[in-house]
Amino acid sequence: MIYFAVISIISAVVCVADKRRAVKGKWRVKESTLFLLCALGGSAAMYITMRLIRHKTLHKRFMIGIPLIITAQIILLAMLIRLLNKT
């Protein structure tokens, strides 16, 4: 649980930092980095943060991709729980 809390906080902070950099016209966080943070477990926090600060919400790649990652993570978690309950 601590891992998911930490990766969620990191994902939200990176998303906010990217938004600030975009507004100021500065160096941006790579999209691949944002997706990596999602894949590592920060997808829900990243998606919520993006919606709250209106960052990348016009990019279909993010508005479809992140919910797909969340769905895949939920399915994997359910499969893991089921597997562990069988033993």
N, C-alpha and C. Protein backbone atom coordinates (compact mmCIF):
# COMPACT_ATOMS: atom_id res chain seq x y z
N MET A 1 0.83 -1.20 0.00
CA MET A 1 0.00 0.00 0.00
C MET A 1 0.87 1.26 0.00
N ILE A 2 1.98 1.19 0.74
CA ILE A 2 2.87 2.35 0.80
C ILE A 2 3.43 2.64 -0.60
N TYR A 3 3.78 1.58 -1.33
CA TYR A 3 4.31 1.76 -2.69
C TYR A 3 3.30 2.52 -3.55
N PHE A 4 2.03 2.11 -3.53
CA PHE A 4 1.02 2.75 -4.37
C PHE A 4 0.75 4.18 -3.93
N ALA A 5 0.84 4.45 -2.64
CA ALA A 5 0.69 5.82 -2.16
C ALA A 5 1.83 6.69 -2.69
N VAL A 6 3.05 6.19 -2.62
CA VAL A 6 4.22 6.95 -3.08
C VAL A 6 4.17 7.17 -4.59
N ILE A 7 3.90 6.13 -5.35
CA ILE A 7 3.87 6.27 -6.82
C ILE A 7 2.72 7.17 -7.25
N SER A 8 1.63 7.16 -6.51
CA SER A 8 0.51 8.05 -6.81
C SER A 8 0.88 9.51 -6.57
N ILE A 9 1.55 9.76 -5.47
CA ILE A 9 1.99 11.13 -5.17
C ILE A 9 2.99 11.60 -6.22
N ILE A 10 3.94 10.76 -6.56
CA ILE A 10 4.92 11.12 -7.59
C ILE A 10 4.22 11.42 -8.91
N SER A 11 3.26 10.59 -9.29
CA SER A 11 2.54 10.79 -10.56
C SER A 11 1.80 12.12 -10.57
N ALA A 12 1.14 12.44 -9.47
CA ALA A 12 0.40 13.70 -9.39
C ALA A 12 1.35 14.90 -9.45
N VAL A 13 2.45 14.82 -8.74
CA VAL A 13 3.43 15.92 -8.71
C VAL A 13 4.04 16.13 -10.10
N VAL A 14 4.39 15.05 -10.77
CA VAL A 14 4.97 15.16 -12.12
C VAL A 14 3.95 15.75 -13.09
N CYS A 15 2.71 15.36 -12.96
CA CYS A 15 1.66 15.89 -13.83
C CYS A 15 1.49 17.40 -13.63
N VAL A 16 1.44 17.83 -12.38
CA VAL A 16 1.32 19.26 -12.07
C VAL A 16 2.55 20.02 -12.56
N ALA A 17 3.73 19.45 -12.37
CA ALA A 17 4.96 20.10 -12.83
C ALA A 17 4.96 20.25 -14.35
N ASP A 18 4.48 19.23 -15.06
CA ASP A 18 4.42 19.30 -16.52
C ASP A 18 3.44 20.39 -16.97
N LYS A 19 2.33 20.51 -16.28
CA LYS A 19 1.35 21.54 -16.60
C LYS A 19 1.96 22.93 -16.40
N ARG A 20 2.66 23.12 -15.29
CA ARG A 20 3.30 24.42 -15.03
C ARG A 20 4.34 24.74 -16.09
N ARG A 21 5.12 23.73 -16.47
CA ARG A 21 6.13 23.95 -17.51
C ARG A 21 5.49 24.27 -18.84
N ALA A 22 4.36 23.65 -19.13
CA ALA A 22 3.66 23.93 -20.39
C ALA A 22 3.18 25.37 -20.43
N VAL A 23 2.64 25.85 -19.33
CA VAL A 23 2.15 27.22 -19.26
C VAL A 23 3.29 28.21 -19.43
N LYS A 24 4.45 27.89 -18.85
CA LYS A 24 5.60 28.79 -18.91
C LYS A 24 6.45 28.61 -20.17
N GLY A 25 6.08 27.63 -21.01
CA GLY A 25 6.83 27.40 -22.24
C GLY A 25 8.20 26.79 -22.00
N LYS A 26 8.35 26.06 -20.91
CA LYS A 26 9.63 25.44 -20.57
C LYS A 26 9.69 23.99 -20.99
N TRP A 27 10.84 23.35 -20.69
CA TRP A 27 11.06 21.93 -20.97
C TRP A 27 9.94 21.10 -20.36
N ARG A 28 9.47 20.10 -21.10
CA ARG A 28 8.33 19.29 -20.68
C ARG A 28 8.75 17.88 -20.33
N VAL A 29 7.89 17.22 -19.56
CA VAL A 29 8.08 15.82 -19.22
C VAL A 29 7.69 14.99 -20.44
N LYS A 30 8.48 13.99 -20.78
CA LYS A 30 8.16 13.15 -21.93
C LYS A 30 6.85 12.40 -21.69
N GLU A 31 6.08 12.22 -22.74
CA GLU A 31 4.84 11.46 -22.64
C GLU A 31 5.12 10.03 -22.19
N SER A 32 6.23 9.49 -22.64
CA SER A 32 6.57 8.12 -22.24
C SER A 32 6.80 8.03 -20.73
N THR A 33 7.33 9.09 -20.14
CA THR A 33 7.53 9.11 -18.68
C THR A 33 6.19 9.14 -17.97
N LEU A 34 5.25 9.92 -18.47
CA LEU A 34 3.92 9.98 -17.86
C LEU A 34 3.24 8.61 -17.94
N PHE A 35 3.35 7.95 -19.09
CA PHE A 35 2.75 6.62 -19.23
C PHE A 35 3.48 5.59 -18.37
N LEU A 36 4.78 5.72 -18.20
CA LEU A 36 5.53 4.81 -17.34
C LEU A 36 5.06 4.93 -15.90
N LEU A 37 4.87 6.15 -15.43
CA LEU A 37 4.35 6.34 -14.07
C LEU A 37 2.98 5.70 -13.91
N CYS A 38 2.16 5.80 -14.95
CA CYS A 38 0.85 5.15 -14.92
C CYS A 38 1.00 3.64 -14.82
N ALA A 39 1.86 3.09 -15.65
CA ALA A 39 2.06 1.64 -15.69
C ALA A 39 2.64 1.12 -14.37
N LEU A 40 3.40 1.95 -13.68
CA LEU A 40 4.00 1.54 -12.41
C LEU A 40 3.02 1.61 -11.24
N GLY A 41 1.81 2.08 -11.50
CA GLY A 41 0.80 2.08 -10.45
C GLY A 41 0.20 3.44 -10.14
N GLY A 42 0.64 4.48 -10.82
CA GLY A 42 0.12 5.81 -10.54
C GLY A 42 -0.97 6.26 -11.50
N SER A 43 -1.59 5.32 -12.18
CA SER A 43 -2.56 5.67 -13.23
C SER A 43 -3.79 6.40 -12.69
N ALA A 44 -4.35 5.94 -11.60
CA ALA A 44 -5.56 6.59 -11.06
C ALA A 44 -5.24 8.02 -10.62
N ALA A 45 -4.14 8.19 -9.90
CA ALA A 45 -3.75 9.53 -9.45
C ALA A 45 -3.44 10.44 -10.64
N MET A 46 -2.77 9.91 -11.65
CA MET A 46 -2.44 10.70 -12.83
C MET A 46 -3.72 11.14 -13.54
N TYR A 47 -4.66 10.22 -13.72
CA TYR A 47 -5.90 10.53 -14.43
C TYR A 47 -6.71 11.58 -13.67
N ILE A 48 -6.84 11.40 -12.37
CA ILE A 48 -7.60 12.36 -11.56
C ILE A 48 -6.94 13.73 -11.60
N THR A 49 -5.63 13.76 -11.47
CA THR A 49 -4.89 15.03 -11.51
C THR A 49 -5.05 15.71 -12.85
N MET A 50 -4.94 14.95 -13.92
CA MET A 50 -5.10 15.52 -15.27
C MET A 50 -6.48 16.15 -15.43
N ARG A 51 -7.49 15.48 -14.93
CA ARG A 51 -8.84 16.02 -15.04
C ARG A 51 -9.01 17.27 -14.18
N LEU A 52 -8.46 17.25 -12.98
CA LEU A 52 -8.61 18.39 -12.06
C LEU A 52 -7.91 19.64 -12.58
N ILE A 53 -6.72 19.49 -13.15
CA ILE A 53 -5.97 20.66 -13.60
C ILE A 53 -6.12 20.90 -15.10
N ARG A 54 -6.94 20.10 -15.74
CA ARG A 54 -7.19 20.21 -17.18
C ARG A 54 -5.89 20.16 -17.98
N HIS A 55 -5.16 19.09 -17.74
CA HIS A 55 -3.89 18.91 -18.43
C HIS A 55 -3.97 17.68 -19.32
N LYS A 56 -3.70 17.86 -20.59
CA LYS A 56 -3.71 16.80 -21.59
C LYS A 56 -5.09 16.17 -21.79
N THR A 57 -6.13 16.87 -21.38
CA THR A 57 -7.48 16.32 -21.51
C THR A 57 -7.98 16.33 -22.95
N LEU A 58 -7.32 17.07 -23.81
CA LEU A 58 -7.69 17.08 -25.22
C LEU A 58 -6.91 16.06 -26.03
N HIS A 59 -6.00 15.37 -25.38
CA HIS A 59 -5.18 14.35 -26.04
C HIS A 59 -5.85 12.98 -25.88
N LYS A 60 -6.38 12.46 -26.97
CA LYS A 60 -7.05 11.16 -26.92
C LYS A 60 -6.12 10.07 -26.40
N ARG A 61 -4.85 10.21 -26.72
CA ARG A 61 -3.86 9.22 -26.28
C ARG A 61 -3.89 9.06 -24.76
N PHE A 62 -4.09 10.14 -24.04
CA PHE A 62 -4.12 10.09 -22.58
C PHE A 62 -5.52 9.79 -22.05
N MET A 63 -6.52 10.37 -22.64
CA MET A 63 -7.88 10.18 -22.14
C MET A 63 -8.43 8.79 -22.43
N ILE A 64 -7.83 8.09 -23.36
CA ILE A 64 -8.20 6.69 -23.62
C ILE A 64 -7.14 5.76 -23.02
N GLY A 65 -5.88 6.12 -23.17
CA GLY A 65 -4.79 5.25 -22.73
C GLY A 65 -4.75 5.02 -21.23
N ILE A 66 -4.90 6.08 -20.46
CA ILE A 66 -4.83 5.92 -19.00
C ILE A 66 -5.99 5.10 -18.46
N PRO A 67 -7.23 5.34 -18.89
CA PRO A 67 -8.30 4.45 -18.42
C PRO A 67 -8.08 2.98 -18.83
N LEU A 68 -7.48 2.75 -19.99
CA LEU A 68 -7.16 1.38 -20.39
C LEU A 68 -6.11 0.77 -19.46
N ILE A 69 -5.13 1.57 -19.06
CA ILE A 69 -4.12 1.08 -18.11
C ILE A 69 -4.79 0.76 -16.77
N ILE A 70 -5.67 1.65 -16.32
CA ILE A 70 -6.38 1.41 -15.06
C ILE A 70 -7.18 0.11 -15.14
N THR A 71 -7.88 -0.09 -16.24
CA THR A 71 -8.68 -1.31 -16.42
C THR A 71 -7.79 -2.54 -16.40
N ALA A 72 -6.68 -2.49 -17.11
CA ALA A 72 -5.75 -3.62 -17.12
C ALA A 72 -5.21 -3.90 -15.72
N GLN A 73 -4.90 -2.85 -14.98
CA GLN A 73 -4.39 -3.03 -13.62
C GLN A 73 -5.45 -3.65 -12.70
N ILE A 74 -6.69 -3.25 -12.85
CA ILE A 74 -7.77 -3.82 -12.04
C ILE A 74 -7.94 -5.30 -12.36
N ILE A 75 -7.90 -5.63 -13.65
CA ILE A 75 -8.03 -7.04 -14.06
C ILE A 75 -6.87 -7.87 -13.51
N LEU A 76 -5.65 -7.35 -13.63
CA LEU A 76 -4.48 -8.06 -13.10
C LEU A 76 -4.56 -8.23 -11.59
N LEU A 77 -5.01 -7.21 -10.90
CA LEU A 77 -5.15 -7.29 -9.45
C LEU A 77 -6.20 -8.34 -9.07
N ALA A 78 -7.32 -8.35 -9.78
CA ALA A 78 -8.36 -9.35 -9.52
C ALA A 78 -7.85 -10.76 -9.76
N MET A 79 -7.08 -10.94 -10.83
CA MET A 79 -6.51 -12.26 -11.13
C MET A 79 -5.52 -12.67 -10.04
N LEU A 80 -4.72 -11.74 -9.58
CA LEU A 80 -3.76 -12.02 -8.52
C LEU A 80 -4.46 -12.41 -7.22
N ILE A 81 -5.48 -11.66 -6.87
CA ILE A 81 -6.25 -11.97 -5.66
C ILE A 81 -6.90 -13.35 -5.76
N ARG A 82 -7.46 -13.62 -6.91
CA ARG A 82 -8.09 -14.95 -7.12
C ARG A 82 -7.05 -16.07 -7.02
N LEU A 83 -5.89 -15.86 -7.60
CA LEU A 83 -4.83 -16.84 -7.55
C LEU A 83 -4.36 -17.08 -6.11
N LEU A 84 -4.20 -16.00 -5.37
CA LEU A 84 -3.75 -16.12 -3.99
C LEU A 84 -4.79 -16.78 -3.09
N ASN A 85 -6.05 -16.57 -3.39
CA ASN A 85 -7.12 -17.19 -2.60
C ASN A 85 -7.25 -18.68 -2.85
N LYS A 86 -6.77 -19.15 -3.99
CA LYS A 86 -6.83 -20.59 -4.31
C LYS A 86 -5.80 -21.39 -3.53
N THR A 87 -4.75 -20.73 -3.12
CA THR A 87 -3.67 -21.46 -2.44
C THR A 87 -3.88 -21.57 -0.97
